[in-house]
Amino acid sequence: MPQTFNVGSRSRFVTFVAWLFMALSIFACAWAVIQYATQSSWSAELATARPGLPGLSGLLVRELPWVLCAAAGVSLAVLVCAVGLLQRFEWARRLFIGLLVVGIGIDLAGLWLQQEVVHLMVESALREATLPQRAAALLGGALTTARVLAALLTLAASLGLAGIIRRLMSPSVRQEFA
């Protein structure tokens, strides 16, 4: 049975995704600018407090101004693409899909990074703290629960982005951009 499409119709999905990512990118860009403005005071403290940060974590802390500038740049690119989606430009749809793929990669890399930071900062503090054994076990269990929930939330966000990519690549949505 042939599919029929209403040429020129605008789906609510594309409009919703465009407005959602416009709001998220404005928030992320503002957050990156605020963090960049305040990072000079606390990045030096973090680097001196934990001089032995391994590999990528140490690099991210040392190069924090560049990381924040990159985050602001990606946020601005998402904002431009979301406006293009709202206006139904094909280049915006393709670039937006590419940025979502990059976002999935960053999200999954962030999963590793958040686990490493929790392991380095919190677990070492729990080992050094003079707590009764039962209190340390309780805090350790809460920490494990928080790590598992953070990992599940991160994976759910990646799956959500993959679902948006799949829907943006569907024939019914692509015809809106013709």
Protein backbone atom coordinates (compact mmCIF):
# COMPACT_ATOMS: atom_id res chain seq x y z
CA MET A 1 0.00 0.00 0.00
CA PRO A 2 1.57 3.32 -1.00
CA GLN A 3 2.26 5.98 1.59
CA THR A 4 0.78 9.41 1.08
CA PHE A 5 2.36 12.48 2.55
CA ASN A 6 0.90 15.91 2.90
CA VAL A 7 3.54 18.07 1.29
CA GLY A 8 4.11 21.25 3.24
CA SER A 9 2.57 19.98 6.47
CA ARG A 10 4.51 20.70 9.62
CA SER A 11 4.72 18.00 12.24
CA ARG A 12 4.41 18.83 15.90
CA PHE A 13 7.40 16.61 16.60
CA VAL A 14 9.86 18.75 14.64
CA THR A 15 8.44 21.94 16.12
CA PHE A 16 8.63 20.52 19.65
CA VAL A 17 12.22 19.27 19.16
CA ALA A 18 13.27 22.64 17.73
CA TRP A 19 11.82 24.63 20.64
CA LEU A 20 13.11 22.15 23.21
CA PHE A 21 16.65 22.28 21.89
CA MET A 22 16.53 26.06 21.52
CA ALA A 23 15.72 26.35 25.22
CA LEU A 24 18.30 23.72 26.22
CA SER A 25 21.05 25.29 24.11
CA ILE A 26 20.39 28.77 25.50
CA PHE A 27 20.58 27.34 29.01
CA ALA A 28 23.76 25.37 28.22
CA CYS A 29 25.43 28.37 26.61
CA ALA A 30 24.59 30.58 29.59
CA TRP A 31 25.86 27.87 31.95
CA ALA A 32 29.15 27.59 30.04
CA VAL A 33 29.64 31.37 30.11
CA ILE A 34 28.94 31.52 33.86
CA GLN A 35 31.29 28.60 34.50
CA TYR A 36 33.97 30.23 32.37
CA ALA A 37 33.62 33.44 34.39
CA THR A 38 33.92 31.63 37.71
CA GLN A 39 36.38 28.87 36.80
CA SER A 40 39.54 30.87 37.46
CA SER A 41 39.02 30.66 41.21
CA TRP A 42 38.11 27.02 41.59
CA SER A 43 40.03 25.29 38.79
CA ALA A 44 43.35 26.22 40.41
CA GLU A 45 42.08 24.90 43.75
CA LEU A 46 40.94 21.65 42.17
CA ALA A 47 44.24 21.17 40.34
CA THR A 48 46.27 21.77 43.50
CA ALA A 49 43.96 19.73 45.72
CA ARG A 50 44.19 16.73 43.38
CA PRO A 51 47.55 17.01 41.62
CA GLY A 52 47.54 13.35 40.60
CA LEU A 53 44.39 13.35 38.50
CA PRO A 54 44.84 10.61 35.91
CA GLY A 55 44.88 11.05 32.13
CA LEU A 56 41.81 12.65 30.68
CA SER A 57 40.49 14.02 33.97
CA GLY A 58 43.71 15.90 34.61
CA LEU A 59 43.72 17.21 31.04
CA LEU A 60 40.12 18.42 31.34
CA VAL A 61 40.89 20.25 34.58
CA ARG A 62 44.06 21.82 33.18
CA GLU A 63 42.34 22.88 29.95
CA LEU A 64 39.02 23.86 31.52
CA PRO A 65 38.73 27.27 29.80
CA TRP A 66 39.00 25.59 26.40
CA VAL A 67 36.52 22.89 27.38
CA LEU A 68 34.01 25.54 28.45
CA CYS A 69 34.54 27.50 25.22
CA ALA A 70 33.94 24.31 23.22
CA ALA A 71 30.75 23.66 25.21
CA ALA A 72 29.52 27.17 24.46
CA GLY A 73 30.39 26.73 20.77
CA VAL A 74 28.51 23.45 20.51
CA SER A 75 25.55 25.03 22.30
CA LEU A 76 25.49 27.89 19.82
CA ALA A 77 25.68 25.42 16.92
CA VAL A 78 22.71 23.51 18.36
CA LEU A 79 20.81 26.79 18.73
CA VAL A 80 21.43 27.71 15.08
CA CYS A 81 20.39 24.23 13.93
CA ALA A 82 17.26 24.28 16.09
CA VAL A 83 16.21 27.58 14.52
CA GLY A 84 16.90 26.02 11.10
CA LEU A 85 14.75 23.02 12.07
CA LEU A 86 11.94 25.33 12.99
CA GLN A 87 12.20 26.92 9.55
CA ARG A 88 12.46 23.43 7.94
CA PHE A 89 15.88 23.81 6.31
CA GLU A 90 17.37 20.51 5.11
CA TRP A 91 20.92 21.54 6.05
CA ALA A 92 19.73 22.18 9.60
CA ARG A 93 18.13 18.73 9.85
CA ARG A 94 21.33 17.02 8.67
CA LEU A 95 23.61 19.09 10.86
CA PHE A 96 21.28 18.66 13.84
CA ILE A 97 21.43 14.88 13.41
CA GLY A 98 25.23 15.10 13.34
CA LEU A 99 25.26 17.22 16.49
CA LEU A 100 22.98 14.71 18.21
CA VAL A 101 25.44 11.92 17.32
CA VAL A 102 28.23 14.05 18.83
CA GLY A 103 25.97 14.61 21.87
CA ILE A 104 25.54 10.85 22.32
CA GLY A 105 29.31 10.43 22.22
CA ILE A 106 29.83 13.21 24.75
CA ASP A 107 27.07 11.75 26.94
CA LEU A 108 28.69 8.31 26.96
CA ALA A 109 32.13 9.82 27.61
CA GLY A 110 30.55 11.79 30.45
CA LEU A 111 29.37 8.47 31.91
CA TRP A 112 32.97 7.36 32.22
CA LEU A 113 34.05 10.75 33.55
CA GLN A 114 31.37 10.95 36.23
CA GLN A 115 32.26 7.47 37.48
CA GLU A 116 35.96 8.39 37.60
CA VAL A 117 35.32 11.64 39.46
CA VAL A 118 33.10 9.92 42.02
CA HIS A 119 35.70 7.22 42.48
CA LEU A 120 38.56 9.69 42.92
CA MET A 121 36.85 12.31 45.06
CA VAL A 122 34.13 10.68 47.11
CA GLU A 123 35.36 7.15 47.66
CA SER A 124 38.82 8.37 48.72
CA ALA A 125 37.17 10.79 51.15
CA LEU A 126 35.07 7.95 52.57
CA ARG A 127 38.18 5.82 53.11
CA GLU A 128 39.99 8.65 54.90
CA ALA A 129 37.03 9.73 57.06
CA THR A 130 36.83 8.55 60.63
CA LEU A 131 33.33 7.16 60.53
CA PRO A 132 31.86 4.20 62.36
CA GLN A 133 31.82 1.09 60.17
CA ARG A 134 28.02 1.06 59.86
CA ALA A 135 27.87 4.73 58.79
CA ALA A 136 30.61 4.20 56.21
CA ALA A 137 28.76 1.16 54.86
CA LEU A 138 25.53 3.17 54.65
CA LEU A 139 27.22 6.03 52.81
CA GLY A 140 29.00 3.56 50.53
CA GLY A 141 25.68 1.95 49.64
CA ALA A 142 24.09 5.32 48.94
CA LEU A 143 27.07 6.21 46.76
CA THR A 144 26.71 2.99 44.78
CA THR A 145 23.00 3.65 44.30
CA ALA A 146 23.72 7.19 43.10
CA ARG A 147 26.34 5.90 40.64
CA VAL A 148 23.96 3.31 39.22
CA LEU A 149 21.13 5.83 38.88
CA ALA A 150 23.46 8.35 37.21
CA ALA A 151 24.57 5.68 34.74
CA LEU A 152 20.97 4.70 33.99
CA LEU A 153 19.95 8.33 33.50
CA THR A 154 22.90 8.90 31.17
CA LEU A 155 22.04 5.81 29.11
CA ALA A 156 18.37 6.85 28.97
CA ALA A 157 19.39 10.29 27.67
CA SER A 158 21.52 8.65 24.97
CA LEU A 159 18.64 6.40 23.96
CA GLY A 160 16.34 9.44 23.84
CA LEU A 161 18.74 11.25 21.52
CA ALA A 162 18.97 8.13 19.35
CA GLY A 163 15.15 8.06 19.16
CA ILE A 164 15.09 11.69 18.03
CA ILE A 165 17.69 10.89 15.36
CA ARG A 166 15.64 7.94 14.14
CA ARG A 167 12.49 10.02 13.93
CA LEU A 168 14.26 12.91 12.15
CA MET A 169 15.49 10.41 9.53
CA SER A 170 12.02 8.96 8.90
CA PRO A 171 10.41 9.57 5.48
CA SER A 172 7.47 11.45 6.98
CA VAL A 173 9.76 13.99 8.64
CA ARG A 174 12.18 14.21 5.70
CA GLN A 175 9.39 15.22 3.37
CA GLU A 176 8.81 18.33 5.50
CA PHE A 177 12.26 19.53 4.56
CA ALA A 178 11.94 18.98 0.80
